[in-house]
Amino acid sequence: MHRRRAHERLQARLGYRFADPDLLDRALTHSSAVSPAKRVERSYQRLEFLGDRVLGLVVADMLYRRFPKANEGELSRALNTLVRKETCAAIARELDLGSELNLGESEARTGGADKEAILGDVTEAVIGAIYCDGGLGRAFEVIERLLGEHLGQAGTERADAKTTLQEWAQARGLEPPNYVEVERTGPDHAPMFTISVRLGAFDAATASGPSKKLAEHKAAERFLVREKVWRETL
């Protein structure tokens, strides 16, 4: 009964009601909570595989329509930003998927509900479940709504910002960039990290995100744009 009530709240946050609630339950079930003989059938692994492909297709379509002047390389980099585990995990935290995960005792005890990899996987599994339950059209609607803010942040992001900044510093004989956590706010299940990147005598650049990695990338991008290494995204 408790899980069913939780699923009701999640469906409201998703803006999608399942015709087959068992699909959603399976999408939220980690392999550690299922006996080895039933892991293929009852855990989210197969739905995660499917959801990853659905997510990639929908995001590629969204980017193609939203950025008509972007070239293939720019679109590919933006796609990689939006479908990577960090972005999927951020969406999981926005939906509070961690509190509804069905985990084995050991995985739950070691903080599985807040692990980046698991949260990223379960987001893809939920997308796969929506696709199975309602088809591509409904999956598209949900993904577009969930990725709205993230799509704007990705824009037509170029090469990896942290790598670009490190190479830029190295070319000038500078020490590698130093990323410092300035602040962590929010509850444990939905933290917000503020990261500052410091490089030589340059002013620090600071940015926030739902994971340290995402905040570091955003801080690096902010530094690159400020120093006119990169232009503003389209």
Protein backbone atom coordinates (compact mmCIF):
# COMPACT_ATOMS: atom_id res chain seq x y z
CA MET A 1 0.00 0.00 0.00
CA HIS A 2 2.81 2.40 0.85
CA ARG A 3 4.56 1.79 -2.49
CA ARG A 4 1.27 2.24 -4.34
CA ARG A 5 0.68 5.62 -2.66
CA ALA A 6 4.27 6.61 -3.48
CA HIS A 7 3.70 5.63 -7.08
CA GLU A 8 0.61 7.85 -7.18
CA ARG A 9 2.67 10.84 -6.09
CA LEU A 10 5.40 10.02 -8.60
CA GLN A 11 2.92 9.72 -11.45
CA ALA A 12 1.62 13.17 -10.55
CA ARG A 13 5.16 14.58 -10.66
CA LEU A 14 5.77 12.86 -13.98
CA GLY A 15 2.51 14.14 -15.42
CA TYR A 16 1.81 10.62 -16.66
CA ARG A 17 -0.49 7.91 -15.33
CA PHE A 18 0.39 4.31 -16.11
CA ALA A 19 -2.19 1.98 -17.59
CA ASP A 20 0.02 -0.84 -16.31
CA PRO A 21 1.39 0.18 -12.87
CA ASP A 22 3.55 -2.96 -12.81
CA LEU A 23 5.80 -1.34 -15.41
CA LEU A 24 6.52 1.57 -13.09
CA ASP A 25 7.12 -0.78 -10.16
CA ARG A 26 9.64 -2.74 -12.25
CA ALA A 27 11.34 0.51 -13.36
CA LEU A 28 11.92 1.38 -9.69
CA THR A 29 13.25 -2.06 -8.68
CA HIS A 30 17.02 -2.45 -8.41
CA SER A 31 18.54 -5.85 -9.12
CA SER A 32 19.66 -6.11 -5.47
CA ALA A 33 16.00 -6.36 -4.42
CA VAL A 34 15.29 -9.36 -6.65
CA SER A 35 16.46 -12.95 -6.46
CA PRO A 36 19.09 -13.82 -9.11
CA ALA A 37 16.65 -16.06 -10.97
CA LYS A 38 14.18 -13.19 -11.47
CA ARG A 39 16.50 -10.22 -12.06
CA VAL A 40 15.99 -10.16 -15.82
CA GLU A 41 12.23 -10.27 -15.42
CA ARG A 42 11.66 -8.10 -12.34
CA SER A 43 14.48 -5.52 -12.11
CA TYR A 44 14.82 -2.32 -14.13
CA GLN A 45 17.79 -3.48 -16.21
CA ARG A 46 15.92 -4.17 -19.46
CA LEU A 47 13.79 -1.04 -19.13
CA GLU A 48 16.95 1.00 -18.54
CA PHE A 49 18.40 -0.36 -21.80
CA LEU A 50 15.26 0.62 -23.68
CA GLY A 51 14.87 4.00 -21.98
CA ASP A 52 18.45 4.96 -22.83
CA ARG A 53 17.66 4.54 -26.54
CA VAL A 54 14.32 6.34 -26.33
CA LEU A 55 15.94 9.23 -24.46
CA GLY A 56 18.66 9.55 -27.10
CA LEU A 57 16.15 9.63 -29.96
CA VAL A 58 13.86 12.18 -28.31
CA VAL A 59 16.70 14.48 -27.26
CA ALA A 60 18.26 14.31 -30.75
CA ASP A 61 14.90 15.34 -32.23
CA MET A 62 14.50 18.19 -29.71
CA LEU A 63 17.97 19.55 -30.43
CA TYR A 64 17.54 19.26 -34.21
CA ARG A 65 14.38 21.37 -34.07
CA ARG A 66 15.50 23.85 -31.43
CA PHE A 67 18.92 24.71 -32.92
CA PRO A 68 18.51 24.90 -36.72
CA LYS A 69 21.92 26.60 -37.17
CA ALA A 70 23.94 24.13 -35.09
CA ASN A 71 26.26 21.76 -36.93
CA GLU A 72 26.56 18.02 -36.34
CA GLY A 73 29.41 18.35 -33.86
CA GLU A 74 27.59 20.94 -31.75
CA LEU A 75 24.42 18.83 -31.74
CA SER A 76 26.38 15.71 -30.77
CA ARG A 77 28.06 17.43 -27.84
CA ALA A 78 24.77 18.86 -26.61
CA LEU A 79 23.20 15.40 -26.91
CA ASN A 80 25.98 13.85 -24.86
CA THR A 81 25.51 16.49 -22.17
CA LEU A 82 21.78 15.86 -21.90
CA VAL A 83 21.79 12.07 -21.87
CA ARG A 84 24.80 11.52 -19.59
CA LYS A 85 24.31 9.93 -16.18
CA GLU A 86 24.81 13.19 -14.28
CA THR A 87 21.89 14.85 -16.07
CA CYS A 88 19.68 11.78 -15.64
CA ALA A 89 20.60 11.65 -11.94
CA ALA A 90 19.70 15.34 -11.58
CA ILE A 91 16.28 14.60 -13.06
CA ALA A 92 15.89 11.66 -10.66
CA ARG A 93 16.53 14.02 -7.74
CA GLU A 94 14.03 16.53 -9.09
CA LEU A 95 11.44 13.72 -9.20
CA ASP A 96 12.60 12.30 -5.83
CA LEU A 97 13.00 8.86 -7.39
CA GLY A 98 15.49 7.86 -4.70
CA SER A 99 12.81 7.75 -2.01
CA GLU A 100 10.73 5.34 -4.10
CA LEU A 101 13.43 2.92 -5.19
CA ASN A 102 13.04 -0.73 -4.27
CA LEU A 103 16.54 -1.70 -3.09
CA GLY A 104 18.02 -4.76 -1.47
CA GLU A 105 18.96 -4.41 2.19
CA SER A 106 22.70 -4.12 1.56
CA GLU A 107 22.31 -1.55 -1.25
CA ALA A 108 19.90 0.50 0.83
CA ARG A 109 22.27 0.44 3.80
CA THR A 110 25.16 1.77 1.68
CA GLY A 111 23.14 4.73 0.35
CA GLY A 112 22.02 3.28 -2.96
CA ALA A 113 19.07 5.67 -3.11
CA ASP A 114 21.50 8.58 -3.52
CA LYS A 115 24.12 7.00 -5.79
CA GLU A 116 24.62 8.89 -9.04
CA ALA A 117 24.83 5.75 -11.18
CA ILE A 118 21.66 4.19 -9.77
CA LEU A 119 19.68 7.43 -10.03
CA GLY A 120 20.80 7.86 -13.64
CA ASP A 121 19.83 4.29 -14.46
CA VAL A 122 16.40 4.49 -12.86
CA THR A 123 15.55 7.67 -14.77
CA GLU A 124 16.23 5.82 -18.01
CA ALA A 125 14.19 2.86 -16.75
CA VAL A 126 11.18 5.08 -15.99
CA ILE A 127 11.42 6.54 -19.49
CA GLY A 128 11.53 3.02 -20.89
CA ALA A 129 8.46 2.11 -18.86
CA ILE A 130 6.54 5.14 -20.15
CA TYR A 131 7.48 4.20 -23.71
CA CYS A 132 6.24 0.63 -23.19
CA ASP A 133 3.04 1.83 -21.52
CA GLY A 134 2.07 4.79 -23.68
CA GLY A 135 4.22 4.80 -26.79
CA LEU A 136 6.75 7.23 -28.22
CA GLY A 137 4.40 10.23 -28.28
CA ARG A 138 3.75 10.14 -24.54
CA ALA A 139 7.43 9.43 -23.80
CA PHE A 140 8.33 12.47 -25.90
CA GLU A 141 5.95 14.69 -23.91
CA VAL A 142 7.38 13.59 -20.56
CA ILE A 143 11.02 13.84 -21.65
CA GLU A 144 10.50 17.30 -23.14
CA ARG A 145 8.93 18.50 -19.90
CA LEU A 146 11.61 16.96 -17.66
CA LEU A 147 14.51 18.20 -19.77
CA GLY A 148 13.18 21.72 -20.34
CA GLU A 149 15.60 23.52 -18.01
CA HIS A 150 18.49 21.19 -18.81
CA LEU A 151 18.03 21.72 -22.54
CA GLY A 152 18.46 25.44 -22.06
CA GLN A 153 21.61 24.89 -20.01
CA ALA A 154 23.14 22.56 -22.59
CA GLY A 155 22.41 24.81 -25.54
CA THR A 156 24.82 23.67 -28.21
CA GLU A 157 27.59 22.96 -25.74
CA ARG A 158 30.95 22.41 -27.36
CA ALA A 159 33.78 20.20 -26.24
CA ASP A 160 33.89 19.15 -22.60
CA ALA A 161 34.35 22.39 -20.64
CA LYS A 162 36.72 20.98 -18.00
CA THR A 163 38.95 19.40 -20.62
CA THR A 164 38.98 22.58 -22.70
CA LEU A 165 39.89 24.71 -19.68
CA GLN A 166 42.70 22.37 -18.64
CA GLU A 167 44.15 22.38 -22.17
CA TRP A 168 43.84 26.18 -22.33
CA ALA A 169 45.70 26.52 -19.01
CA GLN A 170 48.39 24.05 -20.07
CA ALA A 171 48.98 25.94 -23.34
CA ARG A 172 49.76 29.04 -21.24
CA GLY A 173 52.08 27.27 -18.83
CA LEU A 174 49.61 27.52 -15.95
CA GLU A 175 48.91 25.02 -13.19
CA PRO A 176 45.76 22.91 -13.76
CA PRO A 177 42.44 24.48 -12.74
CA ASN A 178 41.46 23.94 -9.10
CA TYR A 179 37.80 23.15 -8.33
CA VAL A 180 36.65 24.04 -4.83
CA GLU A 181 33.29 23.24 -3.24
CA VAL A 182 32.02 26.57 -1.93
CA GLU A 183 28.65 25.48 -0.60
CA ARG A 184 26.24 22.57 -0.40
CA THR A 185 22.58 23.29 0.21
CA GLY A 186 19.29 21.40 0.08
CA PRO A 187 18.23 18.05 1.56
CA ASP A 188 20.35 14.92 1.19
CA HIS A 189 18.09 13.51 -1.52
CA ALA A 190 18.21 16.71 -3.60
CA PRO A 191 21.47 18.55 -2.89
CA MET A 192 22.71 21.64 -4.71
CA PHE A 193 26.46 22.14 -4.99
CA THR A 194 28.23 25.46 -5.61
CA ILE A 195 31.69 25.03 -7.14
CA SER A 196 34.36 27.65 -7.79
CA VAL A 197 37.10 27.11 -10.37
CA ARG A 198 40.36 28.93 -9.73
CA LEU A 199 43.15 29.32 -12.23
CA GLY A 200 46.32 31.34 -11.80
CA ALA A 201 45.75 35.07 -11.27
CA PHE A 202 42.36 35.00 -13.00
CA ASP A 203 39.21 35.76 -11.04
CA ALA A 204 37.41 32.62 -9.92
CA ALA A 205 34.28 31.51 -11.78
CA THR A 206 31.46 29.99 -9.75
CA ALA A 207 28.42 27.91 -10.69
CA SER A 208 25.87 25.62 -9.06
CA GLY A 209 24.35 22.28 -9.98
CA PRO A 210 22.64 19.19 -8.54
CA SER A 211 25.93 17.25 -8.62
CA LYS A 212 29.55 18.25 -8.11
CA LYS A 213 30.47 17.15 -11.63
CA LEU A 214 27.73 19.20 -13.25
CA ALA A 215 28.60 22.27 -11.16
CA GLU A 216 32.28 21.89 -12.08
CA HIS A 217 31.44 21.71 -15.78
CA LYS A 218 29.22 24.78 -15.52
CA ALA A 219 31.90 26.72 -13.64
CA ALA A 220 34.49 25.80 -16.28
CA GLU A 221 32.13 26.86 -19.05
CA ARG A 222 31.45 30.16 -17.28
CA PHE A 223 35.20 30.80 -17.04
CA LEU A 224 35.72 30.01 -20.74
CA VAL A 225 32.88 32.29 -21.84
CA ARG A 226 34.06 35.14 -19.58
CA GLU A 227 37.61 34.95 -20.96
CA LYS A 228 36.21 34.80 -24.51
CA VAL A 229 37.66 31.34 -25.16
CA TRP A 230 34.08 30.29 -25.91
CA ARG A 231 31.22 32.38 -27.15
CA GLU A 232 27.80 32.26 -25.53
CA THR A 233 25.77 29.22 -26.61
CA LEU A 234 23.03 29.69 -29.17
